[in-house]
Amino acid sequence: ITGAGHGIGRELALKYGSLGATVVCWDLNPQGNQETVDEIMKLGATKAHAYT
């Protein structure tokens, strides 16, 4: 998901993660991107990756 570090991209990543999808997050902001991945993992997802 492009722009997963904030806004609509983050919301989409969190939703897909909560549904059990493997989520690949891309964002120019490494901190925000990693925060999104951390939140996805807290929801019980097993596969989420951050790339910048």
PDB file of N, CA and C in Angstrom:
ATOM      1  N   ILE A   1       0.857  -1.168   0.000  1.00  0.00           N
ATOM      2  CA  ILE A   1       0.000   0.000   0.000  1.00  0.00           C
ATOM      3  C   ILE A   1       0.900   1.226   0.000  1.00  0.00           C
ATOM      4  N   THR A   2       0.737   2.073  -0.988  1.00  0.00           N
ATOM      5  CA  THR A   2       1.527   3.289  -1.100  1.00  0.00           C
ATOM      6  C   THR A   2       0.982   4.338  -0.141  1.00  0.00           C
ATOM      7  N   GLY A   3       1.875   5.019   0.570  1.00  0.00           N
ATOM      8  CA  GLY A   3       1.458   6.055   1.510  1.00  0.00           C
ATOM      9  C   GLY A   3       0.903   5.486   2.800  1.00  0.00           C
ATOM     10  N   ALA A   4       1.404   4.327   3.217  1.00  0.00           N
ATOM     11  CA  ALA A   4       0.876   3.646   4.396  1.00  0.00           C
ATOM     12  C   ALA A   4       1.281   4.306   5.710  1.00  0.00           C
ATOM     13  N   GLY A   5       2.151   5.291   5.657  1.00  0.00           N
ATOM     14  CA  GLY A   5       2.617   5.935   6.878  1.00  0.00           C
ATOM     15  C   GLY A   5       1.651   6.944   7.467  1.00  0.00           C
ATOM     16  N   HIS A   6       0.586   7.284   6.729  1.00  0.00           N
ATOM     17  CA  HIS A   6      -0.365   8.275   7.241  1.00  0.00           C
ATOM     18  C   HIS A   6      -1.651   8.262   6.414  1.00  0.00           C
ATOM     19  N   GLY A   7      -2.667   8.888   6.916  1.00  0.00           N
ATOM     20  CA  GLY A   7      -3.907   9.122   6.183  1.00  0.00           C
ATOM     21  C   GLY A   7      -4.633   7.878   5.702  1.00  0.00           C
ATOM     22  N   ILE A   8      -5.172   7.991   4.486  1.00  0.00           N
ATOM     23  CA  ILE A   8      -5.969   6.905   3.914  1.00  0.00           C
ATOM     24  C   ILE A   8      -5.132   5.642   3.723  1.00  0.00           C
ATOM     25  N   GLY A   9      -3.863   5.808   3.340  1.00  0.00           N
ATOM     26  CA  GLY A   9      -2.990   4.647   3.183  1.00  0.00           C
ATOM     27  C   GLY A   9      -2.847   3.871   4.474  1.00  0.00           C
ATOM     28  N   ARG A  10      -2.700   4.580   5.578  1.00  0.00           N
ATOM     29  CA  ARG A  10      -2.589   3.920   6.887  1.00  0.00           C
ATOM     30  C   ARG A  10      -3.889   3.197   7.227  1.00  0.00           C
ATOM     31  N   GLU A  11      -5.014   3.854   7.003  1.00  0.00           N
ATOM     32  CA  GLU A  11      -6.306   3.241   7.310  1.00  0.00           C
ATOM     33  C   GLU A  11      -6.525   1.969   6.489  1.00  0.00           C
ATOM     34  N   LEU A  12      -6.167   2.013   5.210  1.00  0.00           N
ATOM     35  CA  LEU A  12      -6.288   0.817   4.370  1.00  0.00           C
ATOM     36  C   LEU A  12      -5.382  -0.306   4.872  1.00  0.00           C
ATOM     37  N   ALA A  13      -4.148   0.034   5.212  1.00  0.00           N
ATOM     38  CA  ALA A  13      -3.204  -0.966   5.707  1.00  0.00           C
ATOM     39  C   ALA A  13      -3.722  -1.613   6.985  1.00  0.00           C
ATOM     40  N   LEU A  14      -4.251  -0.805   7.893  1.00  0.00           N
ATOM     41  CA  LEU A  14      -4.780  -1.341   9.148  1.00  0.00           C
ATOM     42  C   LEU A  14      -5.984  -2.248   8.892  1.00  0.00           C
ATOM     43  N   LYS A  15      -6.852  -1.848   7.994  1.00  0.00           N
ATOM     44  CA  LYS A  15      -8.036  -2.663   7.694  1.00  0.00           C
ATOM     45  C   LYS A  15      -7.641  -3.995   7.078  1.00  0.00           C
ATOM     46  N   TYR A  16      -6.778  -3.954   6.050  1.00  0.00           N
ATOM     47  CA  TYR A  16      -6.349  -5.201   5.417  1.00  0.00           C
ATOM     48  C   TYR A  16      -5.614  -6.098   6.412  1.00  0.00           C
ATOM     49  N   GLY A  17      -4.788  -5.503   7.255  1.00  0.00           N
ATOM     50  CA  GLY A  17      -4.087  -6.279   8.268  1.00  0.00           C
ATOM     51  C   GLY A  17      -5.043  -6.946   9.236  1.00  0.00           C
ATOM     52  N   SER A  18      -6.081  -6.220   9.634  1.00  0.00           N
ATOM     53  CA  SER A  18      -7.058  -6.787  10.571  1.00  0.00           C
ATOM     54  C   SER A  18      -7.846  -7.929   9.940  1.00  0.00           C
ATOM     55  N   LEU A  19      -7.906  -7.955   8.611  1.00  0.00           N
ATOM     56  CA  LEU A  19      -8.607  -9.031   7.898  1.00  0.00           C
ATOM     57  C   LEU A  19      -7.699 -10.224   7.605  1.00  0.00           C
ATOM     58  N   GLY A  20      -6.427 -10.131   8.023  1.00  0.00           N
ATOM     59  CA  GLY A  20      -5.503 -11.243   7.866  1.00  0.00           C
ATOM     60  C   GLY A  20      -4.648 -11.218   6.614  1.00  0.00           C
ATOM     61  N   ALA A  21      -4.697 -10.125   5.870  1.00  0.00           N
ATOM     62  CA  ALA A  21      -3.896 -10.029   4.651  1.00  0.00           C
ATOM     63  C   ALA A  21      -2.423  -9.800   4.977  1.00  0.00           C
ATOM     64  N   THR A  22      -1.549 -10.236   4.087  1.00  0.00           N
ATOM     65  CA  THR A  22      -0.146  -9.851   4.155  1.00  0.00           C
ATOM     66  C   THR A  22      -0.066  -8.429   3.618  1.00  0.00           C
ATOM     67  N   VAL A  23       0.457  -7.510   4.423  1.00  0.00           N
ATOM     68  CA  VAL A  23       0.458  -6.098   4.054  1.00  0.00           C
ATOM     69  C   VAL A  23       1.890  -5.628   3.805  1.00  0.00           C
ATOM     70  N   VAL A  24       2.108  -5.034   2.640  1.00  0.00           N
ATOM     71  CA  VAL A  24       3.395  -4.436   2.297  1.00  0.00           C
ATOM     72  C   VAL A  24       3.180  -2.930   2.257  1.00  0.00           C
ATOM     73  N   CYS A  25       3.838  -2.220   3.171  1.00  0.00           N
ATOM     74  CA  CYS A  25       3.649  -0.776   3.330  1.00  0.00           C
ATOM     75  C   CYS A  25       4.817  -0.010   2.715  1.00  0.00           C
ATOM     76  N   TRP A  26       4.492   0.980   1.896  1.00  0.00           N
ATOM     77  CA  TRP A  26       5.491   1.857   1.281  1.00  0.00           C
ATOM     78  C   TRP A  26       5.179   3.285   1.685  1.00  0.00           C
ATOM     79  N   ASP A  27       6.201   4.039   2.084  1.00  0.00           N
ATOM     80  CA  ASP A  27       6.018   5.453   2.403  1.00  0.00           C
ATOM     81  C   ASP A  27       7.385   6.132   2.425  1.00  0.00           C
ATOM     82  N   LEU A  28       7.402   7.421   2.150  1.00  0.00           N
ATOM     83  CA  LEU A  28       8.648   8.190   2.214  1.00  0.00           C
ATOM     84  C   LEU A  28       9.068   8.475   3.651  1.00  0.00           C
ATOM     85  N   ASN A  29       8.124   8.380   4.575  1.00  0.00           N
ATOM     86  CA  ASN A  29       8.377   8.642   5.987  1.00  0.00           C
ATOM     87  C   ASN A  29       8.617   7.305   6.698  1.00  0.00           C
ATOM     88  N   PRO A  30       9.883   6.950   6.954  1.00  0.00           N
ATOM     89  CA  PRO A  30      10.160   5.647   7.554  1.00  0.00           C
ATOM     90  C   PRO A  30       9.554   5.470   8.942  1.00  0.00           C
ATOM     91  N   GLN A  31       9.504   6.534   9.735  1.00  0.00           N
ATOM     92  CA  GLN A  31       8.953   6.425  11.086  1.00  0.00           C
ATOM     93  C   GLN A  31       7.453   6.141  11.041  1.00  0.00           C
ATOM     94  N   GLY A  32       6.725   6.911  10.253  1.00  0.00           N
ATOM     95  CA  GLY A  32       5.284   6.698  10.136  1.00  0.00           C
ATOM     96  C   GLY A  32       4.961   5.331   9.552  1.00  0.00           C
ATOM     97  N   ASN A  33       5.753   4.911   8.593  1.00  0.00           N
ATOM     98  CA  ASN A  33       5.559   3.612   7.964  1.00  0.00           C
ATOM     99  C   ASN A  33       5.745   2.489   8.974  1.00  0.00           C
ATOM    100  N   GLN A  34       6.802   2.577   9.783  1.00  0.00           N
ATOM    101  CA  GLN A  34       7.055   1.543  10.788  1.00  0.00           C
ATOM    102  C   GLN A  34       5.973   1.551  11.859  1.00  0.00           C
ATOM    103  N   GLU A  35       5.475   2.732  12.225  1.00  0.00           N
ATOM    104  CA  GLU A  35       4.381   2.815  13.199  1.00  0.00           C
ATOM    105  C   GLU A  35       3.146   2.084  12.677  1.00  0.00           C
ATOM    106  N   THR A  36       2.874   2.226  11.389  1.00  0.00           N
ATOM    107  CA  THR A  36       1.736   1.528  10.791  1.00  0.00           C
ATOM    108  C   THR A  36       1.930   0.018  10.885  1.00  0.00           C
ATOM    109  N   VAL A  37       3.119  -0.467  10.542  1.00  0.00           N
ATOM    110  CA  VAL A  37       3.401  -1.901  10.622  1.00  0.00           C
ATOM    111  C   VAL A  37       3.261  -2.387  12.060  1.00  0.00           C
ATOM    112  N   ASP A  38       3.758  -1.625  13.014  1.00  0.00           N
ATOM    113  CA  ASP A  38       3.637  -2.007  14.424  1.00  0.00           C
ATOM    114  C   ASP A  38       2.175  -2.114  14.839  1.00  0.00           C
ATOM    115  N   GLU A  39       1.351  -1.172  14.397  1.00  0.00           N
ATOM    116  CA  GLU A  39      -0.077  -1.204  14.719  1.00  0.00           C
ATOM    117  C   GLU A  39      -0.753  -2.416  14.083  1.00  0.00           C
ATOM    118  N   ILE A  40      -0.370  -2.732  12.855  1.00  0.00           N
ATOM    119  CA  ILE A  40      -0.936  -3.908  12.178  1.00  0.00           C
ATOM    120  C   ILE A  40      -0.613  -5.170  12.971  1.00  0.00           C
ATOM    121  N   MET A  41       0.618  -5.292  13.424  1.00  0.00           N
ATOM    122  CA  MET A  41       1.022  -6.473  14.181  1.00  0.00           C
ATOM    123  C   MET A  41       0.271  -6.563  15.509  1.00  0.00           C
ATOM    124  N   LYS A  42      -0.032  -5.430  16.128  1.00  0.00           N
ATOM    125  CA  LYS A  42      -0.809  -5.426  17.373  1.00  0.00           C
ATOM    126  C   LYS A  42      -2.229  -5.935  17.150  1.00  0.00           C
ATOM    127  N   LEU A  43      -2.722  -5.800  15.918  1.00  0.00           N
ATOM    128  CA  LEU A  43      -4.064  -6.281  15.582  1.00  0.00           C
ATOM    129  C   LEU A  43      -4.098  -7.797  15.397  1.00  0.00           C
ATOM    130  N   GLY A  44      -2.936  -8.429  15.474  1.00  0.00           N
ATOM    131  CA  GLY A  44      -2.869  -9.875  15.359  1.00  0.00           C
ATOM    132  C   GLY A  44      -2.414 -10.388  14.008  1.00  0.00           C
ATOM    133  N   ALA A  45      -2.046  -9.492  13.109  1.00  0.00           N
ATOM    134  CA  ALA A  45      -1.554  -9.920  11.801  1.00  0.00           C
ATOM    135  C   ALA A  45      -0.209 -10.618  11.969  1.00  0.00           C
ATOM    136  N   THR A  46       0.095 -11.514  11.056  1.00  0.00           N
ATOM    137  CA  THR A  46       1.371 -12.227  11.139  1.00  0.00           C
ATOM    138  C   THR A  46       2.379 -11.762  10.097  1.00  0.00           C
ATOM    139  N   LYS A  47       1.892 -11.056   9.050  1.00  0.00           N
ATOM    140  CA  LYS A  47       2.806 -10.608   8.000  1.00  0.00           C
ATOM    141  C   LYS A  47       2.519  -9.165   7.615  1.00  0.00           C
ATOM    142  N   ALA A  48       3.451  -8.291   7.966  1.00  0.00           N
ATOM    143  CA  ALA A  48       3.385  -6.888   7.561  1.00  0.00           C
ATOM    144  C   ALA A  48       4.822  -6.409   7.414  1.00  0.00           C
ATOM    145  N   HIS A  49       5.104  -5.706   6.334  1.00  0.00           N
ATOM    146  CA  HIS A  49       6.466  -5.280   6.029  1.00  0.00           C
ATOM    147  C   HIS A  49       6.490  -3.802   5.680  1.00  0.00           C
ATOM    148  N   ALA A  50       7.536  -3.107   6.121  1.00  0.00           N
ATOM    149  CA  ALA A  50       7.694  -1.677   5.833  1.00  0.00           C
ATOM    150  C   ALA A  50       8.860  -1.468   4.874  1.00  0.00           C
ATOM    151  N   TYR A  51       8.623  -0.673   3.832  1.00  0.00           N
ATOM    152  CA  TYR A  51       9.663  -0.293   2.875  1.00  0.00           C
ATOM    153  C   TYR A  51       9.587   1.206   2.637  1.00  0.00           C
ATOM    154  N   THR A  52      10.744   1.824   2.479  1.00  0.00           N
ATOM    155  CA  THR A  52      10.775   3.260   2.177  1.00  0.00           C
ATOM    156  C   THR A  52      11.596   3.495   0.929  1.00  0.00           C
TER     157      THR A  52
END
